[in-house]
Amino acid sequence: MEARAHSARRESPRPLRALGLALLLGAFASPLAAQNYLYVEHDGRYRPVRRADGRTPYVLENGKLVEATEGHFLLRPADEYLPLLVDVDHLAVNSSADTVTVSGTGLVSNSREMNRRFIFAADLTAPVALQDVFVVITLDSPSAGSVLFLQGVGALEARRPKHLTIAEAMGSELGAAPFSLHVFAGGREVLNTKIPFDEREAALDRMVIRRIANVQNAELQPFAGPVPEYPPSLLKTRATGQAVVSFRVGQRGGVFDPAVVSASDPACGQAALAAIRLWRFLPRVKDGVPVEATAQMPFEFSPPP
């Protein structure tokens, strides 16, 4: 797959200039903006991007998806994320002989060589099937200004990782620059595991509170969570597995005190625990008040293709 930088503008815009792909993910976190919609200029006005084919954005026109005619973008705040958590795993950046494994937000490298050649790789996994997935990367360079990169991913099958690779020669050096990684599905931004944990939890708090604001009585419901990682220790035999975990759910849907009830292999139990700690639920509501509840959840494990 290919990616490129686009001319773009933000909500309080200074122009985001086209520079060729210019991103090197680093280990130092930068503040991540709130959830967004991506807009692109088409026929003289901005419209929401619904999908991307490679680096080409598409918008809805007369009920059909059409290629956008202009290359200017806006990131505008949305009320909330799409309540899904996409796992961004095995995230790495390679430049010549150097390989750096990184978190989801960070800094562009100061290295001249690493600013001239960029290779990005990651596995994306969704808990349910998703269509029209695309990735947006934004960064602010002290020398080049603000830049936005768009890359189409296509469809994600439920619980099946999809590898994304971006390779691009750099046209200019960017220096140290904070960046953010955004994942969209059908035009709406979804939660991803590289969003800093505290920011993701705060967003989920707001989303849960909104959904139970006028509820009088309701049982516990799953809301958002990642797929457990297939245990590396089982790769040799490629065995299937299962695990059941128990846990408490608090008044805002957070998970507490998870424990393995049963597991076909201890590694499956540990993987299930790691996943359930990141889940969020719509809490049980009684007489208009959210209350704590206990629950169990099964997980199944299948070897990657």
C-alpha atoms as a PDB file:
ATOM      1  CA  MET A   1       0.000   0.000   0.000  1.00  0.00           C
ATOM      2  CA  GLU A   2       1.103   3.590  -0.582  1.00  0.00           C
ATOM      3  CA  ALA A   3       0.514   6.738   1.363  1.00  0.00           C
ATOM      4  CA  ARG A   4       1.133  10.390   0.778  1.00  0.00           C
ATOM      5  CA  ALA A   5       0.835  13.706   2.502  1.00  0.00           C
ATOM      6  CA  HIS A   6      -2.021  15.945   1.462  1.00  0.00           C
ATOM      7  CA  SER A   7      -2.731  19.615   1.587  1.00  0.00           C
ATOM      8  CA  ALA A   8      -5.103  20.054   4.499  1.00  0.00           C
ATOM      9  CA  ARG A   9      -6.464  22.426   7.070  1.00  0.00           C
ATOM     10  CA  ARG A  10      -7.499  22.041  10.690  1.00  0.00           C
ATOM     11  CA  GLU A  11     -10.552  23.439  12.469  1.00  0.00           C
ATOM     12  CA  SER A  12      -8.595  26.587  13.373  1.00  0.00           C
ATOM     13  CA  PRO A  13      -6.487  26.093  10.320  1.00  0.00           C
ATOM     14  CA  ARG A  14      -3.099  26.877   9.201  1.00  0.00           C
ATOM     15  CA  PRO A  15      -2.563  25.031   5.912  1.00  0.00           C
ATOM     16  CA  LEU A  16      -1.322  21.432   6.093  1.00  0.00           C
ATOM     17  CA  ARG A  17       1.114  21.294   3.203  1.00  0.00           C
ATOM     18  CA  ALA A  18       1.859  18.383   0.882  1.00  0.00           C
ATOM     19  CA  LEU A  19       5.403  17.194   1.488  1.00  0.00           C
ATOM     20  CA  GLY A  20       5.482  13.508   0.616  1.00  0.00           C
ATOM     21  CA  LEU A  21       5.143  10.980   3.429  1.00  0.00           C
ATOM     22  CA  ALA A  22       7.049  12.389   6.356  1.00  0.00           C
ATOM     23  CA  LEU A  23       6.477  10.532   9.580  1.00  0.00           C
ATOM     24  CA  LEU A  24       8.706   8.626  11.942  1.00  0.00           C
ATOM     25  CA  LEU A  25       6.951   7.309  15.013  1.00  0.00           C
ATOM     26  CA  GLY A  26       8.960   7.793  18.188  1.00  0.00           C
ATOM     27  CA  ALA A  27       8.760   6.748  21.791  1.00  0.00           C
ATOM     28  CA  PHE A  28       7.750  10.086  23.286  1.00  0.00           C
ATOM     29  CA  ALA A  29       4.016  10.619  23.549  1.00  0.00           C
ATOM     30  CA  SER A  30       2.391  13.815  22.354  1.00  0.00           C
ATOM     31  CA  PRO A  31      -1.124  14.998  23.243  1.00  0.00           C
ATOM     32  CA  LEU A  32      -3.728  13.310  21.087  1.00  0.00           C
ATOM     33  CA  ALA A  33      -6.614  15.363  19.763  1.00  0.00           C
ATOM     34  CA  ALA A  34     -10.175  14.368  20.545  1.00  0.00           C
ATOM     35  CA  GLN A  35     -12.143  12.214  18.128  1.00  0.00           C
ATOM     36  CA  ASN A  36     -12.652  13.691  14.680  1.00  0.00           C
ATOM     37  CA  TYR A  37     -14.336  13.556  11.314  1.00  0.00           C
ATOM     38  CA  LEU A  38     -12.110  13.943   8.271  1.00  0.00           C
ATOM     39  CA  TYR A  39     -13.401  16.340   5.602  1.00  0.00           C
ATOM     40  CA  VAL A  40     -12.019  16.882   2.106  1.00  0.00           C
ATOM     41  CA  GLU A  41     -12.731  19.663  -0.374  1.00  0.00           C
ATOM     42  CA  HIS A  42     -14.931  18.514  -3.248  1.00  0.00           C
ATOM     43  CA  ASP A  43     -16.616  20.781  -5.820  1.00  0.00           C
ATOM     44  CA  GLY A  44     -15.842  23.860  -3.781  1.00  0.00           C
ATOM     45  CA  ARG A  45     -17.027  22.667  -0.359  1.00  0.00           C
ATOM     46  CA  TYR A  46     -15.871  20.293   2.349  1.00  0.00           C
ATOM     47  CA  ARG A  47     -17.527  16.895   2.679  1.00  0.00           C
ATOM     48  CA  PRO A  48     -16.876  13.958   5.047  1.00  0.00           C
ATOM     49  CA  VAL A  49     -14.445  11.344   3.772  1.00  0.00           C
ATOM     50  CA  ARG A  50     -16.254   7.983   3.775  1.00  0.00           C
ATOM     51  CA  ARG A  51     -13.489   5.716   2.457  1.00  0.00           C
ATOM     52  CA  ALA A  52     -10.035   5.820   0.905  1.00  0.00           C
ATOM     53  CA  ASP A  53      -8.649   3.757  -1.937  1.00  0.00           C
ATOM     54  CA  GLY A  54      -4.952   3.812  -1.243  1.00  0.00           C
ATOM     55  CA  ARG A  55      -4.353   7.501  -0.741  1.00  0.00           C
ATOM     56  CA  THR A  56      -7.403   8.713  -2.662  1.00  0.00           C
ATOM     57  CA  PRO A  57     -10.363   9.986  -0.576  1.00  0.00           C
ATOM     58  CA  TYR A  58     -13.990   9.309  -1.509  1.00  0.00           C
ATOM     59  CA  VAL A  59     -17.091  11.268  -0.522  1.00  0.00           C
ATOM     60  CA  LEU A  60     -20.807  10.601  -0.808  1.00  0.00           C
ATOM     61  CA  GLU A  61     -22.526  12.390  -3.703  1.00  0.00           C
ATOM     62  CA  ASN A  62     -26.119  11.673  -4.718  1.00  0.00           C
ATOM     63  CA  GLY A  63     -26.016   8.425  -2.770  1.00  0.00           C
ATOM     64  CA  LYS A  64     -22.821   7.202  -4.452  1.00  0.00           C
ATOM     65  CA  LEU A  65     -19.183   7.231  -3.389  1.00  0.00           C
ATOM     66  CA  VAL A  66     -17.100   9.391  -5.728  1.00  0.00           C
ATOM     67  CA  GLU A  67     -13.464  10.417  -5.789  1.00  0.00           C
ATOM     68  CA  ALA A  68     -12.872  13.816  -4.203  1.00  0.00           C
ATOM     69  CA  THR A  69     -11.829  16.495  -6.656  1.00  0.00           C
ATOM     70  CA  GLU A  70      -9.587  18.553  -4.368  1.00  0.00           C
ATOM     71  CA  GLY A  71      -6.730  17.774  -1.998  1.00  0.00           C
ATOM     72  CA  HIS A  72      -7.439  20.002   1.006  1.00  0.00           C
ATOM     73  CA  PHE A  73      -8.543  18.429   4.290  1.00  0.00           C
ATOM     74  CA  LEU A  74     -10.082  19.421   7.604  1.00  0.00           C
ATOM     75  CA  LEU A  75     -10.120  17.462  10.854  1.00  0.00           C
ATOM     76  CA  ARG A  76     -13.231  18.547  12.745  1.00  0.00           C
ATOM     77  CA  PRO A  77     -14.189  17.397  16.247  1.00  0.00           C
ATOM     78  CA  ALA A  78     -16.896  14.733  16.514  1.00  0.00           C
ATOM     79  CA  ASP A  79     -19.275  14.132  19.401  1.00  0.00           C
ATOM     80  CA  GLU A  80     -17.753  10.735  20.122  1.00  0.00           C
ATOM     81  CA  TYR A  81     -15.822   7.816  18.711  1.00  0.00           C
ATOM     82  CA  LEU A  82     -17.453   4.874  17.021  1.00  0.00           C
ATOM     83  CA  PRO A  83     -17.655   2.484  20.027  1.00  0.00           C
ATOM     84  CA  LEU A  84     -15.168  -0.082  18.759  1.00  0.00           C
ATOM     85  CA  LEU A  85     -11.590  -0.692  19.829  1.00  0.00           C
ATOM     86  CA  VAL A  86      -9.205  -1.587  17.014  1.00  0.00           C
ATOM     87  CA  ASP A  87      -5.971  -3.172  18.136  1.00  0.00           C
ATOM     88  CA  VAL A  88      -2.871  -1.612  16.564  1.00  0.00           C
ATOM     89  CA  ASP A  89      -0.138  -4.183  17.141  1.00  0.00           C
ATOM     90  CA  HIS A  90       3.433  -4.874  16.038  1.00  0.00           C
ATOM     91  CA  LEU A  91       3.837  -1.224  15.211  1.00  0.00           C
ATOM     92  CA  ALA A  92       7.299  -0.534  13.824  1.00  0.00           C
ATOM     93  CA  VAL A  93       9.240   1.942  11.767  1.00  0.00           C
ATOM     94  CA  ASN A  94      12.197   0.963   9.602  1.00  0.00           C
ATOM     95  CA  SER A  95      14.721   3.240   7.962  1.00  0.00           C
ATOM     96  CA  SER A  96      17.627   1.603   6.146  1.00  0.00           C
ATOM     97  CA  ALA A  97      19.173  -0.766   8.688  1.00  0.00           C
ATOM     98  CA  ASP A  98      17.492   0.850  11.669  1.00  0.00           C
ATOM     99  CA  THR A  99      14.264  -0.577  13.086  1.00  0.00           C
ATOM    100  CA  VAL A 100      12.366   1.169  15.852  1.00  0.00           C
ATOM    101  CA  THR A 101       9.343  -0.317  17.622  1.00  0.00           C
ATOM    102  CA  VAL A 102       7.136   2.489  18.813  1.00  0.00           C
ATOM    103  CA  SER A 103       3.955   3.590  20.542  1.00  0.00           C
ATOM    104  CA  GLY A 104       1.033   5.236  18.801  1.00  0.00           C
ATOM    105  CA  THR A 105       2.063   8.850  19.268  1.00  0.00           C
ATOM    106  CA  GLY A 106       5.542  10.252  19.294  1.00  0.00           C
ATOM    107  CA  LEU A 107       8.145  12.313  17.467  1.00  0.00           C
ATOM    108  CA  VAL A 108       9.551  12.410  13.993  1.00  0.00           C
ATOM    109  CA  SER A 109      13.265  11.631  14.135  1.00  0.00           C
ATOM    110  CA  ASN A 110      15.905  14.316  13.834  1.00  0.00           C
ATOM    111  CA  SER A 111      18.065  11.935  11.768  1.00  0.00           C
ATOM    112  CA  ARG A 112      18.657  13.119   8.179  1.00  0.00           C
ATOM    113  CA  GLU A 113      18.683   9.545   6.852  1.00  0.00           C
ATOM    114  CA  MET A 114      15.513   8.533   8.693  1.00  0.00           C
ATOM    115  CA  ASN A 115      13.733  11.650   7.433  1.00  0.00           C
ATOM    116  CA  ARG A 116      14.581  10.732   3.842  1.00  0.00           C
ATOM    117  CA  ARG A 117      13.139   7.210   3.810  1.00  0.00           C
ATOM    118  CA  PHE A 118      10.072   6.097   5.762  1.00  0.00           C
ATOM    119  CA  ILE A 119       8.599   2.629   6.210  1.00  0.00           C
ATOM    120  CA  PHE A 120       5.634   2.126   8.515  1.00  0.00           C
ATOM    121  CA  ALA A 121       4.218  -1.277   9.472  1.00  0.00           C
ATOM    122  CA  ALA A 122       1.431  -2.365  11.818  1.00  0.00           C
ATOM    123  CA  ASP A 123      -1.221  -5.047  12.268  1.00  0.00           C
ATOM    124  CA  LEU A 124      -4.827  -3.873  12.678  1.00  0.00           C
ATOM    125  CA  THR A 125      -7.379  -6.166  14.342  1.00  0.00           C
ATOM    126  CA  ALA A 126     -11.049  -5.375  14.923  1.00  0.00           C
ATOM    127  CA  PRO A 127     -13.490  -7.225  17.225  1.00  0.00           C
ATOM    128  CA  VAL A 128     -16.129  -7.222  14.459  1.00  0.00           C
ATOM    129  CA  ALA A 129     -15.978  -6.942  10.681  1.00  0.00           C
ATOM    130  CA  LEU A 130     -15.394  -3.372   9.502  1.00  0.00           C
ATOM    131  CA  GLN A 131     -15.679  -1.906   6.022  1.00  0.00           C
ATOM    132  CA  ASP A 132     -14.024   1.142   4.481  1.00  0.00           C
ATOM    133  CA  VAL A 133     -11.238   1.410   7.051  1.00  0.00           C
ATOM    134  CA  PHE A 134      -8.609   4.094   6.554  1.00  0.00           C
ATOM    135  CA  VAL A 135      -5.782   5.561   8.590  1.00  0.00           C
ATOM    136  CA  VAL A 136      -4.960   9.240   9.069  1.00  0.00           C
ATOM    137  CA  ILE A 137      -1.668  10.468  10.511  1.00  0.00           C
ATOM    138  CA  THR A 138      -1.174  14.095  11.446  1.00  0.00           C
ATOM    139  CA  LEU A 139       2.034  15.760  12.557  1.00  0.00           C
ATOM    140  CA  ASP A 140       3.358  19.236  13.277  1.00  0.00           C
ATOM    141  CA  SER A 141       6.863  19.887  12.010  1.00  0.00           C
ATOM    142  CA  PRO A 142       8.786  22.940  13.194  1.00  0.00           C
ATOM    143  CA  SER A 143      10.298  23.305   9.704  1.00  0.00           C
ATOM    144  CA  ALA A 144       7.470  22.105   7.422  1.00  0.00           C
ATOM    145  CA  GLY A 145       4.320  23.016   9.345  1.00  0.00           C
ATOM    146  CA  SER A 146       1.297  20.767   9.807  1.00  0.00           C
ATOM    147  CA  VAL A 147       0.962  17.709   7.585  1.00  0.00           C
ATOM    148  CA  LEU A 148      -1.775  15.107   7.144  1.00  0.00           C
ATOM    149  CA  PHE A 149      -1.340  11.628   5.621  1.00  0.00           C
ATOM    150  CA  LEU A 150      -4.185   9.429   4.382  1.00  0.00           C
ATOM    151  CA  GLN A 151      -3.974   5.668   3.688  1.00  0.00           C
ATOM    152  CA  GLY A 152      -6.814   3.308   2.835  1.00  0.00           C
ATOM    153  CA  VAL A 153      -6.886  -0.070   4.569  1.00  0.00           C
ATOM    154  CA  GLY A 154     -10.099  -1.566   3.152  1.00  0.00           C
ATOM    155  CA  ALA A 155     -12.032  -4.238   5.041  1.00  0.00           C
ATOM    156  CA  LEU A 156     -11.084  -5.762   8.379  1.00  0.00           C
ATOM    157  CA  GLU A 157     -12.412  -9.228   9.132  1.00  0.00           C
ATOM    158  CA  ALA A 158     -13.544  -9.926  12.682  1.00  0.00           C
ATOM    159  CA  ARG A 159     -10.653 -10.994  14.901  1.00  0.00           C
ATOM    160  CA  ARG A 160      -8.248 -11.417  11.955  1.00  0.00           C
ATOM    161  CA  PRO A 161      -5.194  -9.150  11.865  1.00  0.00           C
ATOM    162  CA  LYS A 162      -4.536  -7.203   8.665  1.00  0.00           C
ATOM    163  CA  HIS A 163      -1.048  -6.007   7.954  1.00  0.00           C
ATOM    164  CA  LEU A 164      -0.530  -2.446   6.797  1.00  0.00           C
ATOM    165  CA  THR A 165       2.726  -1.285   5.262  1.00  0.00           C
ATOM    166  CA  ILE A 166       3.526   2.209   4.061  1.00  0.00           C
ATOM    167  CA  ALA A 167       6.787   2.983   2.236  1.00  0.00           C
ATOM    168  CA  GLU A 168       7.717   6.398   0.928  1.00  0.00           C
ATOM    169  CA  ALA A 169      10.785   8.375  -0.073  1.00  0.00           C
ATOM    170  CA  MET A 170      10.972  11.740   1.658  1.00  0.00           C
ATOM    171  CA  GLY A 171      11.147  14.972  -0.278  1.00  0.00           C
ATOM    172  CA  SER A 172      12.315  17.066   2.676  1.00  0.00           C
ATOM    173  CA  GLU A 173      13.423  16.794   6.263  1.00  0.00           C
ATOM    174  CA  LEU A 174      10.893  17.458   8.997  1.00  0.00           C
ATOM    175  CA  GLY A 175      12.989  17.418  12.145  1.00  0.00           C
ATOM    176  CA  ALA A 176      11.423  16.490  15.486  1.00  0.00           C
ATOM    177  CA  ALA A 177       7.633  16.640  15.144  1.00  0.00           C
ATOM    178  CA  PRO A 178       4.783  15.349  17.347  1.00  0.00           C
ATOM    179  CA  PHE A 179       2.206  13.223  15.552  1.00  0.00           C
ATOM    180  CA  SER A 180      -1.120  11.452  16.085  1.00  0.00           C
ATOM    181  CA  LEU A 181      -2.490   8.231  14.569  1.00  0.00           C
ATOM    182  CA  HIS A 182      -6.231   7.977  13.799  1.00  0.00           C
ATOM    183  CA  VAL A 183      -8.209   4.974  12.541  1.00  0.00           C
ATOM    184  CA  PHE A 184     -11.535   5.482  10.740  1.00  0.00           C
ATOM    185  CA  ALA A 185     -14.270   3.089   9.587  1.00  0.00           C
ATOM    186  CA  GLY A 186     -16.926   4.324   7.164  1.00  0.00           C
ATOM    187  CA  GLY A 187     -15.944   7.898   7.919  1.00  0.00           C
ATOM    188  CA  ARG A 188     -16.140   7.704  11.719  1.00  0.00           C
ATOM    189  CA  GLU A 189     -13.095   7.565  13.940  1.00  0.00           C
ATOM    190  CA  VAL A 190     -12.818   4.411  16.039  1.00  0.00           C
ATOM    191  CA  LEU A 191     -10.925   3.950  19.255  1.00  0.00           C
ATOM    192  CA  ASN A 192      -7.546   2.294  18.860  1.00  0.00           C
ATOM    193  CA  THR A 193      -5.137   0.801  21.350  1.00  0.00           C
ATOM    194  CA  LYS A 194      -2.407   3.350  20.615  1.00  0.00           C
ATOM    195  CA  ILE A 195      -4.487   6.207  21.946  1.00  0.00           C
ATOM    196  CA  PRO A 196      -3.035   6.949  25.405  1.00  0.00           C
ATOM    197  CA  PHE A 197      -4.919   4.911  27.999  1.00  0.00           C
ATOM    198  CA  ASP A 198      -6.102   7.865  30.106  1.00  0.00           C
ATOM    199  CA  GLU A 199      -7.488   9.669  27.054  1.00  0.00           C
ATOM    200  CA  ARG A 200      -9.247   6.540  25.845  1.00  0.00           C
ATOM    201  CA  GLU A 201     -10.789   5.966  29.272  1.00  0.00           C
ATOM    202  CA  ALA A 202     -11.996   9.565  29.480  1.00  0.00           C
ATOM    203  CA  ALA A 203     -13.630   9.267  26.049  1.00  0.00           C
ATOM    204  CA  LEU A 204     -15.314   6.009  27.042  1.00  0.00           C
ATOM    205  CA  ASP A 205     -16.571   7.585  30.268  1.00  0.00           C
ATOM    206  CA  ARG A 206     -18.302  10.308  28.252  1.00  0.00           C
ATOM    207  CA  MET A 207     -19.774   7.800  25.810  1.00  0.00           C
ATOM    208  CA  VAL A 208     -21.112   5.511  28.542  1.00  0.00           C
ATOM    209  CA  ILE A 209     -22.638   8.390  30.522  1.00  0.00           C
ATOM    210  CA  ARG A 210     -24.408   9.629  27.395  1.00  0.00           C
ATOM    211  CA  ARG A 211     -25.912   6.202  26.663  1.00  0.00           C
ATOM    212  CA  ILE A 212     -27.316   5.600  30.142  1.00  0.00           C
ATOM    213  CA  ALA A 213     -28.414   9.187  30.871  1.00  0.00           C
ATOM    214  CA  ASN A 214     -32.138   8.475  30.417  1.00  0.00           C
ATOM    215  CA  VAL A 215     -32.158   4.740  31.136  1.00  0.00           C
ATOM    216  CA  GLN A 216     -34.254   3.508  34.047  1.00  0.00           C
ATOM    217  CA  ASN A 217     -33.446  -0.207  34.054  1.00  0.00           C
ATOM    218  CA  ALA A 218     -30.977  -2.200  31.956  1.00  0.00           C
ATOM    219  CA  GLU A 219     -28.762  -5.231  32.241  1.00  0.00           C
ATOM    220  CA  LEU A 220     -25.014  -5.215  31.720  1.00  0.00           C
ATOM    221  CA  GLN A 221     -23.981  -4.948  28.048  1.00  0.00           C
ATOM    222  CA  PRO A 222     -20.558  -5.180  26.320  1.00  0.00           C
ATOM    223  CA  PHE A 223     -19.632  -1.837  24.761  1.00  0.00           C
ATOM    224  CA  ALA A 224     -16.055  -1.788  23.427  1.00  0.00           C
ATOM    225  CA  GLY A 225     -12.971  -3.922  23.784  1.00  0.00           C
ATOM    226  CA  PRO A 226      -9.998  -5.473  21.972  1.00  0.00           C
ATOM    227  CA  VAL A 227      -9.566  -9.007  20.667  1.00  0.00           C
ATOM    228  CA  PRO A 228      -7.143 -11.044  22.813  1.00  0.00           C
ATOM    229  CA  GLU A 229      -3.769 -11.706  21.223  1.00  0.00           C
ATOM    230  CA  TYR A 230      -3.195 -15.285  20.109  1.00  0.00           C
ATOM    231  CA  PRO A 231      -0.535 -16.633  22.514  1.00  0.00           C
ATOM    232  CA  PRO A 232       2.913 -16.778  20.859  1.00  0.00           C
ATOM    233  CA  SER A 233       3.637 -19.987  22.794  1.00  0.00           C
ATOM    234  CA  LEU A 234       0.936 -21.755  20.746  1.00  0.00           C
ATOM    235  CA  LEU A 235       2.231 -20.705  17.344  1.00  0.00           C
ATOM    236  CA  LYS A 236       4.326 -23.854  16.916  1.00  0.00           C
ATOM    237  CA  THR A 237       1.353 -26.198  17.315  1.00  0.00           C
ATOM    238  CA  ARG A 238      -1.230 -23.684  16.008  1.00  0.00           C
ATOM    239  CA  ALA A 239      -3.705 -25.052  18.521  1.00  0.00           C
ATOM    240  CA  THR A 240      -7.117 -23.492  19.071  1.00  0.00           C
ATOM    241  CA  GLY A 241      -8.031 -22.516  22.588  1.00  0.00           C
ATOM    242  CA  GLN A 242     -10.532 -20.909  24.895  1.00  0.00           C
ATOM    243  CA  ALA A 243     -10.677 -19.045  28.170  1.00  0.00           C
ATOM    244  CA  VAL A 244     -13.414 -17.760  30.467  1.00  0.00           C
ATOM    245  CA  VAL A 245     -12.771 -14.813  32.758  1.00  0.00           C
ATOM    246  CA  SER A 246     -14.827 -13.345  35.590  1.00  0.00           C
ATOM    247  CA  PHE A 247     -14.782  -9.697  36.643  1.00  0.00           C
ATOM    248  CA  ARG A 248     -16.650  -6.819  38.264  1.00  0.00           C
ATOM    249  CA  VAL A 249     -18.042  -3.905  36.263  1.00  0.00           C
ATOM    250  CA  GLY A 250     -18.207  -0.507  37.931  1.00  0.00           C
ATOM    251  CA  GLN A 251     -20.753   2.276  37.600  1.00  0.00           C
ATOM    252  CA  ARG A 252     -19.030   3.691  34.509  1.00  0.00           C
ATOM    253  CA  GLY A 253     -18.529   0.326  32.875  1.00  0.00           C
ATOM    254  CA  GLY A 254     -14.880  -0.201  33.791  1.00  0.00           C
ATOM    255  CA  VAL A 255     -13.561  -3.693  34.535  1.00  0.00           C
ATOM    256  CA  PHE A 256     -12.196  -4.595  37.975  1.00  0.00           C
ATOM    257  CA  ASP A 257     -10.685  -7.714  39.561  1.00  0.00           C
ATOM    258  CA  PRO A 258     -10.565  -9.952  36.459  1.00  0.00           C
ATOM    259  CA  ALA A 259      -9.746 -13.606  37.102  1.00  0.00           C
ATOM    260  CA  VAL A 260      -9.449 -16.718  34.963  1.00  0.00           C
ATOM    261  CA  VAL A 261     -12.320 -19.150  35.522  1.00  0.00           C
ATOM    262  CA  SER A 262     -11.110 -21.738  33.005  1.00  0.00           C
ATOM    263  CA  ALA A 263      -8.623 -21.933  30.152  1.00  0.00           C
ATOM    264  CA  SER A 264      -7.506 -24.602  27.714  1.00  0.00           C
ATOM    265  CA  ASP A 265      -3.943 -23.338  28.170  1.00  0.00           C
ATOM    266  CA  PRO A 266      -2.522 -20.946  30.788  1.00  0.00           C
ATOM    267  CA  ALA A 267      -1.345 -18.662  27.980  1.00  0.00           C
ATOM    268  CA  CYS A 268      -4.936 -18.308  26.768  1.00  0.00           C
ATOM    269  CA  GLY A 269      -5.995 -17.312  30.250  1.00  0.00           C
ATOM    270  CA  GLN A 270      -3.313 -14.621  30.459  1.00  0.00           C
ATOM    271  CA  ALA A 271      -4.186 -13.274  27.010  1.00  0.00           C
ATOM    272  CA  ALA A 272      -7.867 -13.106  27.964  1.00  0.00           C
ATOM    273  CA  LEU A 273      -7.008 -11.208  31.158  1.00  0.00           C
ATOM    274  CA  ALA A 274      -4.912  -8.703  29.239  1.00  0.00           C
ATOM    275  CA  ALA A 275      -7.790  -8.080  26.849  1.00  0.00           C
ATOM    276  CA  ILE A 276     -10.648  -7.856  29.366  1.00  0.00           C
ATOM    277  CA  ARG A 277      -8.792  -5.196  31.355  1.00  0.00           C
ATOM    278  CA  LEU A 278      -9.222  -2.919  28.321  1.00  0.00           C
ATOM    279  CA  TRP A 279     -12.922  -3.647  27.820  1.00  0.00           C
ATOM    280  CA  ARG A 280     -15.697  -1.242  28.664  1.00  0.00           C
ATOM    281  CA  PHE A 281     -19.338  -2.118  29.344  1.00  0.00           C
ATOM    282  CA  LEU A 282     -22.601  -0.275  29.622  1.00  0.00           C
ATOM    283  CA  PRO A 283     -23.257  -0.791  33.331  1.00  0.00           C
ATOM    284  CA  ARG A 284     -26.292  -2.356  34.876  1.00  0.00           C
ATOM    285  CA  VAL A 285     -28.877   0.334  35.634  1.00  0.00           C
ATOM    286  CA  LYS A 286     -31.489   0.014  38.379  1.00  0.00           C
ATOM    287  CA  ASP A 287     -34.144   2.688  38.918  1.00  0.00           C
ATOM    288  CA  GLY A 288     -32.136   5.167  36.900  1.00  0.00           C
ATOM    289  CA  VAL A 289     -28.894   4.597  38.832  1.00  0.00           C
ATOM    290  CA  PRO A 290     -25.866   2.681  37.460  1.00  0.00           C
ATOM    291  CA  VAL A 291     -24.790  -0.082  39.835  1.00  0.00           C
ATOM    292  CA  GLU A 292     -21.896  -2.521  40.042  1.00  0.00           C
ATOM    293  CA  ALA A 293     -22.349  -6.001  38.600  1.00  0.00           C
ATOM    294  CA  THR A 294     -20.375  -9.224  38.212  1.00  0.00           C
ATOM    295  CA  ALA A 295     -20.008 -11.061  34.938  1.00  0.00           C
ATOM    296  CA  GLN A 296     -18.131 -13.740  33.007  1.00  0.00           C
ATOM    297  CA  MET A 297     -16.968 -13.591  29.396  1.00  0.00           C
ATOM    298  CA  PRO A 298     -15.662 -16.378  27.146  1.00  0.00           C
ATOM    299  CA  PHE A 299     -12.883 -15.848  24.596  1.00  0.00           C
ATOM    300  CA  GLU A 300     -11.869 -18.136  21.749  1.00  0.00           C
ATOM    301  CA  PHE A 301      -8.418 -18.367  20.214  1.00  0.00           C
ATOM    302  CA  SER A 302      -7.611 -19.361  16.648  1.00  0.00           C
ATOM    303  CA  PRO A 303      -4.138 -19.302  15.077  1.00  0.00           C
ATOM    304  CA  PRO A 304      -3.419 -16.397  12.734  1.00  0.00           C
ATOM    305  CA  PRO A 305      -3.585 -17.154   8.993  1.00  0.00           C
END
